[in-house]
Amino acid sequence: MTAKIAVSLPDHLVEEARAAVAGGRAASVSAYVAEALAEKSRRRTLAEVLDEMDAELGAPDAAAVARAARVLEALDVQ
């Protein structure tokens, strides 16, 4: 079952969807938008993943946090 709705999108996103249709990467603009929404609903945020890991394995101790901070600092990722 599908529902027809009206949405407002920025011009650049509309053009991206139309280009995907023209390039054969989507059957229609509606299909392109539906696929994008489905992908978004499947994604979990990093925070959700980390919260789940903490619940399952326990939060990292102070030594592990300090070690990670040193590694990130050495990689200049912070």
PDB file of N, CA and C in Angstrom:
ATOM      1  N   MET A   1       0.846  -1.170   0.000  1.00  0.00           N
ATOM      2  CA  MET A   1       0.000   0.000   0.000  1.00  0.00           C
ATOM      3  C   MET A   1       0.896   1.239   0.000  1.00  0.00           C
ATOM      4  N   THR A   2       0.512   2.250  -0.709  1.00  0.00           N
ATOM      5  CA  THR A   2       1.249   3.508  -0.740  1.00  0.00           C
ATOM      6  C   THR A   2       0.296   4.662  -0.487  1.00  0.00           C
ATOM      7  N   ALA A   3       0.865   5.759  -0.046  1.00  0.00           N
ATOM      8  CA  ALA A   3       0.093   6.976   0.180  1.00  0.00           C
ATOM      9  C   ALA A   3       0.727   8.094  -0.640  1.00  0.00           C
ATOM     10  N   LYS A   4      -0.089   8.902  -1.234  1.00  0.00           N
ATOM     11  CA  LYS A   4       0.403  10.040  -1.999  1.00  0.00           C
ATOM     12  C   LYS A   4       0.420  11.253  -1.076  1.00  0.00           C
ATOM     13  N   ILE A   5       1.591  11.922  -1.004  1.00  0.00           N
ATOM     14  CA  ILE A   5       1.734  13.104  -0.166  1.00  0.00           C
ATOM     15  C   ILE A   5       2.423  14.200  -0.972  1.00  0.00           C
ATOM     16  N   ALA A   6       2.351  15.397  -0.484  1.00  0.00           N
ATOM     17  CA  ALA A   6       3.066  16.513  -1.095  1.00  0.00           C
ATOM     18  C   ALA A   6       4.123  16.989  -0.107  1.00  0.00           C
ATOM     19  N   VAL A   7       5.327  17.192  -0.604  1.00  0.00           N
ATOM     20  CA  VAL A   7       6.406  17.696   0.234  1.00  0.00           C
ATOM     21  C   VAL A   7       7.121  18.821  -0.502  1.00  0.00           C
ATOM     22  N   SER A   8       7.750  19.685   0.261  1.00  0.00           N
ATOM     23  CA  SER A   8       8.571  20.747  -0.314  1.00  0.00           C
ATOM     24  C   SER A   8      10.030  20.378  -0.086  1.00  0.00           C
ATOM     25  N   LEU A   9      10.821  20.462  -1.149  1.00  0.00           N
ATOM     26  CA  LEU A   9      12.238  20.108  -1.084  1.00  0.00           C
ATOM     27  C   LEU A   9      13.070  21.231  -1.678  1.00  0.00           C
ATOM     28  N   PRO A  10      14.297  21.369  -1.195  1.00  0.00           N
ATOM     29  CA  PRO A  10      15.197  22.343  -1.820  1.00  0.00           C
ATOM     30  C   PRO A  10      15.437  21.981  -3.295  1.00  0.00           C
ATOM     31  N   ASP A  11      15.613  22.985  -4.110  1.00  0.00           N
ATOM     32  CA  ASP A  11      15.792  22.770  -5.547  1.00  0.00           C
ATOM     33  C   ASP A  11      16.908  21.775  -5.864  1.00  0.00           C
ATOM     34  N   HIS A  12      18.016  21.872  -5.144  1.00  0.00           N
ATOM     35  CA  HIS A  12      19.149  20.991  -5.467  1.00  0.00           C
ATOM     36  C   HIS A  12      18.817  19.525  -5.218  1.00  0.00           C
ATOM     37  N   LEU A  13      17.962  19.243  -4.243  1.00  0.00           N
ATOM     38  CA  LEU A  13      17.576  17.852  -4.002  1.00  0.00           C
ATOM     39  C   LEU A  13      16.616  17.342  -5.074  1.00  0.00           C
ATOM     40  N   VAL A  14      15.750  18.210  -5.531  1.00  0.00           N
ATOM     41  CA  VAL A  14      14.843  17.838  -6.618  1.00  0.00           C
ATOM     42  C   VAL A  14      15.661  17.528  -7.872  1.00  0.00           C
ATOM     43  N   GLU A  15      16.632  18.365  -8.165  1.00  0.00           N
ATOM     44  CA  GLU A  15      17.474  18.135  -9.342  1.00  0.00           C
ATOM     45  C   GLU A  15      18.277  16.846  -9.195  1.00  0.00           C
ATOM     46  N   GLU A  16      18.751  16.564  -7.994  1.00  0.00           N
ATOM     47  CA  GLU A  16      19.479  15.325  -7.754  1.00  0.00           C
ATOM     48  C   GLU A  16      18.579  14.113  -8.016  1.00  0.00           C
ATOM     49  N   ALA A  17      17.345  14.173  -7.559  1.00  0.00           N
ATOM     50  CA  ALA A  17      16.404  13.079  -7.777  1.00  0.00           C
ATOM     51  C   ALA A  17      16.096  12.926  -9.265  1.00  0.00           C
ATOM     52  N   ARG A  18      15.874  14.025  -9.943  1.00  0.00           N
ATOM     53  CA  ARG A  18      15.589  13.965 -11.379  1.00  0.00           C
ATOM     54  C   ARG A  18      16.781  13.427 -12.163  1.00  0.00           C
ATOM     55  N   ALA A  19      17.987  13.814 -11.742  1.00  0.00           N
ATOM     56  CA  ALA A  19      19.192  13.311 -12.403  1.00  0.00           C
ATOM     57  C   ALA A  19      19.338  11.804 -12.190  1.00  0.00           C
ATOM     58  N   ALA A  20      18.967  11.326 -11.009  1.00  0.00           N
ATOM     59  CA  ALA A  20      19.018   9.888 -10.741  1.00  0.00           C
ATOM     60  C   ALA A  20      18.048   9.149 -11.658  1.00  0.00           C
ATOM     61  N   VAL A  21      16.887   9.702 -11.876  1.00  0.00           N
ATOM     62  CA  VAL A  21      15.905   9.087 -12.788  1.00  0.00           C
ATOM     63  C   VAL A  21      16.451   9.112 -14.211  1.00  0.00           C
ATOM     64  N   ALA A  22      16.946  10.262 -14.638  1.00  0.00           N
ATOM     65  CA  ALA A  22      17.479  10.394 -15.997  1.00  0.00           C
ATOM     66  C   ALA A  22      18.669   9.460 -16.227  1.00  0.00           C
ATOM     67  N   GLY A  23      19.453   9.248 -15.172  1.00  0.00           N
ATOM     68  CA  GLY A  23      20.625   8.380 -15.274  1.00  0.00           C
ATOM     69  C   GLY A  23      20.325   6.909 -15.064  1.00  0.00           C
ATOM     70  N   GLY A  24      19.055   6.589 -14.856  1.00  0.00           N
ATOM     71  CA  GLY A  24      18.680   5.193 -14.682  1.00  0.00           C
ATOM     72  C   GLY A  24      18.963   4.633 -13.302  1.00  0.00           C
ATOM     73  N   ARG A  25      19.272   5.499 -12.351  1.00  0.00           N
ATOM     74  CA  ARG A  25      19.560   5.044 -10.989  1.00  0.00           C
ATOM     75  C   ARG A  25      18.314   4.969 -10.122  1.00  0.00           C
ATOM     76  N   ALA A  26      17.197   5.433 -10.643  1.00  0.00           N
ATOM     77  CA  ALA A  26      15.911   5.357  -9.938  1.00  0.00           C
ATOM     78  C   ALA A  26      14.807   5.265 -10.983  1.00  0.00           C
ATOM     79  N   ALA A  27      13.750   4.559 -10.635  1.00  0.00           N
ATOM     80  CA  ALA A  27      12.632   4.387 -11.569  1.00  0.00           C
ATOM     81  C   ALA A  27      11.810   5.663 -11.706  1.00  0.00           C
ATOM     82  N   SER A  28      11.752   6.435 -10.626  1.00  0.00           N
ATOM     83  CA  SER A  28      10.970   7.676 -10.616  1.00  0.00           C
ATOM     84  C   SER A  28      11.457   8.533  -9.461  1.00  0.00           C
ATOM     85  N   VAL A  29      11.039   9.788  -9.457  1.00  0.00           N
ATOM     86  CA  VAL A  29      11.383  10.666  -8.328  1.00  0.00           C
ATOM     87  C   VAL A  29      10.774  10.096  -7.045  1.00  0.00           C
ATOM     88  N   SER A  30       9.561   9.610  -7.130  1.00  0.00           N
ATOM     89  CA  SER A  30       8.924   9.011  -5.949  1.00  0.00           C
ATOM     90  C   SER A  30       9.734   7.822  -5.430  1.00  0.00           C
ATOM     91  N   ALA A  31      10.208   6.975  -6.342  1.00  0.00           N
ATOM     92  CA  ALA A  31      11.007   5.821  -5.937  1.00  0.00           C
ATOM     93  C   ALA A  31      12.316   6.268  -5.296  1.00  0.00           C
ATOM     94  N   TYR A  32      12.921   7.308  -5.840  1.00  0.00           N
ATOM     95  CA  TYR A  32      14.165   7.845  -5.296  1.00  0.00           C
ATOM     96  C   TYR A  32      13.958   8.343  -3.863  1.00  0.00           C
ATOM     97  N   VAL A  33      12.892   9.109  -3.670  1.00  0.00           N
ATOM     98  CA  VAL A  33      12.590   9.648  -2.338  1.00  0.00           C
ATOM     99  C   VAL A  33      12.249   8.510  -1.378  1.00  0.00           C
ATOM    100  N   ALA A  34      11.464   7.542  -1.819  1.00  0.00           N
ATOM    101  CA  ALA A  34      11.099   6.411  -0.957  1.00  0.00           C
ATOM    102  C   ALA A  34      12.334   5.632  -0.530  1.00  0.00           C
ATOM    103  N   GLU A  35      13.271   5.427  -1.472  1.00  0.00           N
ATOM    104  CA  GLU A  35      14.511   4.714  -1.137  1.00  0.00           C
ATOM    105  C   GLU A  35      15.345   5.502  -0.119  1.00  0.00           C
ATOM    106  N   ALA A  36      15.406   6.811  -0.303  1.00  0.00           N
ATOM    107  CA  ALA A  36      16.160   7.652   0.629  1.00  0.00           C
ATOM    108  C   ALA A  36      15.545   7.604   2.029  1.00  0.00           C
ATOM    109  N   LEU A  37      14.234   7.648   2.107  1.00  0.00           N
ATOM    110  CA  LEU A  37      13.567   7.578   3.411  1.00  0.00           C
ATOM    111  C   LEU A  37      13.758   6.211   4.063  1.00  0.00           C
ATOM    112  N   ALA A  38      13.697   5.158   3.265  1.00  0.00           N
ATOM    113  CA  ALA A  38      13.906   3.815   3.800  1.00  0.00           C
ATOM    114  C   ALA A  38      15.323   3.667   4.341  1.00  0.00           C
ATOM    115  N   GLU A  39      16.298   4.199   3.614  1.00  0.00           N
ATOM    116  CA  GLU A  39      17.692   4.140   4.071  1.00  0.00           C
ATOM    117  C   GLU A  39      17.856   4.914   5.376  1.00  0.00           C
ATOM    118  N   LYS A  40      17.255   6.067   5.449  1.00  0.00           N
ATOM    119  CA  LYS A  40      17.340   6.890   6.661  1.00  0.00           C
ATOM    120  C   LYS A  40      16.738   6.154   7.858  1.00  0.00           C
ATOM    121  N   SER A  41      15.639   5.463   7.637  1.00  0.00           N
ATOM    122  CA  SER A  41      14.991   4.776   8.755  1.00  0.00           C
ATOM    123  C   SER A  41      15.797   3.568   9.223  1.00  0.00           C
ATOM    124  N   ARG A  42      16.636   3.012   8.341  1.00  0.00           N
ATOM    125  CA  ARG A  42      17.473   1.870   8.733  1.00  0.00           C
ATOM    126  C   ARG A  42      18.720   2.289   9.495  1.00  0.00           C
ATOM    127  N   ARG A  43      19.150   3.502   9.283  1.00  0.00           N
ATOM    128  CA  ARG A  43      20.388   3.977   9.902  1.00  0.00           C
ATOM    129  C   ARG A  43      20.217   4.245  11.379  1.00  0.00           C
ATOM    130  N   ARG A  44      21.198   3.861  12.118  1.00  0.00           N
ATOM    131  CA  ARG A  44      21.218   4.224  13.530  1.00  0.00           C
ATOM    132  C   ARG A  44      22.326   5.236  13.740  1.00  0.00           C
ATOM    133  N   THR A  45      22.133   6.106  14.676  1.00  0.00           N
ATOM    134  CA  THR A  45      23.180   7.077  14.944  1.00  0.00           C
ATOM    135  C   THR A  45      24.303   6.410  15.721  1.00  0.00           C
ATOM    136  N   LEU A  46      25.463   6.987  15.647  1.00  0.00           N
ATOM    137  CA  LEU A  46      26.607   6.471  16.387  1.00  0.00           C
ATOM    138  C   LEU A  46      26.302   6.450  17.877  1.00  0.00           C
ATOM    139  N   ALA A  47      25.609   7.451  18.358  1.00  0.00           N
ATOM    140  CA  ALA A  47      25.263   7.497  19.779  1.00  0.00           C
ATOM    141  C   ALA A  47      24.402   6.299  20.173  1.00  0.00           C
ATOM    142  N   GLU A  48      23.456   5.920  19.322  1.00  0.00           N
ATOM    143  CA  GLU A  48      22.618   4.752  19.622  1.00  0.00           C
ATOM    144  C   GLU A  48      23.447   3.476  19.671  1.00  0.00           C
ATOM    145  N   VAL A  49      24.393   3.338  18.744  1.00  0.00           N
ATOM    146  CA  VAL A  49      25.256   2.156  18.720  1.00  0.00           C
ATOM    147  C   VAL A  49      26.108   2.110  19.985  1.00  0.00           C
ATOM    148  N   LEU A  50      26.698   3.246  20.347  1.00  0.00           N
ATOM    149  CA  LEU A  50      27.544   3.284  21.543  1.00  0.00           C
ATOM    150  C   LEU A  50      26.733   3.028  22.809  1.00  0.00           C
ATOM    151  N   ASP A  51      25.514   3.573  22.878  1.00  0.00           N
ATOM    152  CA  ASP A  51      24.648   3.308  24.031  1.00  0.00           C
ATOM    153  C   ASP A  51      24.328   1.822  24.144  1.00  0.00           C
ATOM    154  N   GLU A  52      24.071   1.196  23.001  1.00  0.00           N
ATOM    155  CA  GLU A  52      23.782  -0.238  23.000  1.00  0.00           C
ATOM    156  C   GLU A  52      24.992  -1.039  23.455  1.00  0.00           C
ATOM    157  N   MET A  53      26.172  -0.640  22.990  1.00  0.00           N
ATOM    158  CA  MET A  53      27.401  -1.329  23.418  1.00  0.00           C
ATOM    159  C   MET A  53      27.624  -1.160  24.915  1.00  0.00           C
ATOM    160  N   ASP A  54      27.403   0.052  25.420  1.00  0.00           N
ATOM    161  CA  ASP A  54      27.553   0.291  26.855  1.00  0.00           C
ATOM    162  C   ASP A  54      26.581  -0.563  27.653  1.00  0.00           C
ATOM    163  N   ALA A  55      25.356  -0.688  27.182  1.00  0.00           N
ATOM    164  CA  ALA A  55      24.359  -1.491  27.889  1.00  0.00           C
ATOM    165  C   ALA A  55      24.744  -2.965  27.899  1.00  0.00           C
ATOM    166  N   GLU A  56      25.301  -3.422  26.789  1.00  0.00           N
ATOM    167  CA  GLU A  56      25.654  -4.836  26.674  1.00  0.00           C
ATOM    168  C   GLU A  56      26.976  -5.166  27.357  1.00  0.00           C
ATOM    169  N   LEU A  57      27.963  -4.294  27.194  1.00  0.00           N
ATOM    170  CA  LEU A  57      29.318  -4.603  27.655  1.00  0.00           C
ATOM    171  C   LEU A  57      29.768  -3.781  28.857  1.00  0.00           C
ATOM    172  N   GLY A  58      29.013  -2.762  29.187  1.00  0.00           N
ATOM    173  CA  GLY A  58      29.429  -1.847  30.241  1.00  0.00           C
ATOM    174  C   GLY A  58      30.212  -0.693  29.641  1.00  0.00           C
ATOM    175  N   ALA A  59      30.153   0.434  30.305  1.00  0.00           N
ATOM    176  CA  ALA A  59      30.865   1.620  29.831  1.00  0.00           C
ATOM    177  C   ALA A  59      32.367   1.411  29.981  1.00  0.00           C
ATOM    178  N   PRO A  60      33.165   2.032  29.115  1.00  0.00           N
ATOM    179  CA  PRO A  60      34.621   1.899  29.248  1.00  0.00           C
ATOM    180  C   PRO A  60      35.097   2.547  30.541  1.00  0.00           C
ATOM    181  N   ASP A  61      36.147   1.958  31.119  1.00  0.00           N
ATOM    182  CA  ASP A  61      36.695   2.530  32.353  1.00  0.00           C
ATOM    183  C   ASP A  61      37.599   3.715  32.011  1.00  0.00           C
ATOM    184  N   ALA A  62      38.055   4.403  33.042  1.00  0.00           N
ATOM    185  CA  ALA A  62      38.857   5.618  32.866  1.00  0.00           C
ATOM    186  C   ALA A  62      40.135   5.339  32.080  1.00  0.00           C
ATOM    187  N   ALA A  63      40.750   4.191  32.306  1.00  0.00           N
ATOM    188  CA  ALA A  63      41.989   3.856  31.598  1.00  0.00           C
ATOM    189  C   ALA A  63      41.720   3.709  30.097  1.00  0.00           C
ATOM    190  N   ALA A  64      40.617   3.075  29.736  1.00  0.00           N
ATOM    191  CA  ALA A  64      40.288   2.900  28.325  1.00  0.00           C
ATOM    192  C   ALA A  64      39.975   4.243  27.663  1.00  0.00           C
ATOM    193  N   VAL A  65      39.271   5.112  28.378  1.00  0.00           N
ATOM    194  CA  VAL A  65      38.957   6.439  27.844  1.00  0.00           C
ATOM    195  C   VAL A  65      40.245   7.231  27.627  1.00  0.00           C
ATOM    196  N   ALA A  66      41.168   7.175  28.593  1.00  0.00           N
ATOM    197  CA  ALA A  66      42.442   7.890  28.474  1.00  0.00           C
ATOM    198  C   ALA A  66      43.267   7.341  27.315  1.00  0.00           C
ATOM    199  N   ARG A  67      43.280   6.026  27.158  1.00  0.00           N
ATOM    200  CA  ARG A  67      44.019   5.395  26.065  1.00  0.00           C
ATOM    201  C   ARG A  67      43.432   5.834  24.714  1.00  0.00           C
ATOM    202  N   ALA A  68      42.123   5.848  24.602  1.00  0.00           N
ATOM    203  CA  ALA A  68      41.481   6.283  23.360  1.00  0.00           C
ATOM    204  C   ALA A  68      41.790   7.749  23.075  1.00  0.00           C
ATOM    205  N   ALA A  69      41.791   8.572  24.096  1.00  0.00           N
ATOM    206  CA  ALA A  69      42.104   9.987  23.918  1.00  0.00           C
ATOM    207  C   ALA A  69      43.527  10.164  23.409  1.00  0.00           C
ATOM    208  N   ARG A  70      44.465   9.367  23.929  1.00  0.00           N
ATOM    209  CA  ARG A  70      45.854   9.448  23.462  1.00  0.00           C
ATOM    210  C   ARG A  70      45.961   9.031  21.997  1.00  0.00           C
ATOM    211  N   VAL A  71      45.270   7.977  21.627  1.00  0.00           N
ATOM    212  CA  VAL A  71      45.300   7.511  20.241  1.00  0.00           C
ATOM    213  C   VAL A  71      44.717   8.577  19.319  1.00  0.00           C
ATOM    214  N   LEU A  72      43.566   9.130  19.691  1.00  0.00           N
ATOM    215  CA  LEU A  72      42.944  10.165  18.868  1.00  0.00           C
ATOM    216  C   LEU A  72      43.836  11.397  18.755  1.00  0.00           C
ATOM    217  N   GLU A  73      44.483  11.754  19.849  1.00  0.00           N
ATOM    218  CA  GLU A  73      45.386  12.895  19.833  1.00  0.00           C
ATOM    219  C   GLU A  73      46.567  12.628  18.887  1.00  0.00           C
ATOM    220  N   ALA A  74      47.112  11.416  18.966  1.00  0.00           N
ATOM    221  CA  ALA A  74      48.240  11.058  18.100  1.00  0.00           C
ATOM    222  C   ALA A  74      47.827  11.084  16.631  1.00  0.00           C
ATOM    223  N   LEU A  75      46.576  10.726  16.367  1.00  0.00           N
ATOM    224  CA  LEU A  75      46.073  10.738  14.996  1.00  0.00           C
ATOM    225  C   LEU A  75      45.553  12.111  14.593  1.00  0.00           C
ATOM    226  N   ASP A  76      45.554  13.027  15.534  1.00  0.00           N
ATOM    227  CA  ASP A  76      45.038  14.384  15.322  1.00  0.00           C
ATOM    228  C   ASP A  76      43.590  14.361  14.848  1.00  0.00           C
ATOM    229  N   VAL A  77      42.760  13.529  15.528  1.00  0.00           N
ATOM    230  CA  VAL A  77      41.369  13.344  15.152  1.00  0.00           C
ATOM    231  C   VAL A  77      40.440  14.170  16.023  1.00  0.00           C
ATOM    232  N   GLN A  78      40.858  14.621  17.141  1.00  0.00           N
ATOM    233  CA  GLN A  78      39.961  15.299  18.078  1.00  0.00           C
ATOM    234  C   GLN A  78      39.434  16.536  17.551  1.00  0.00           C
TER     235      GLN A  78
END
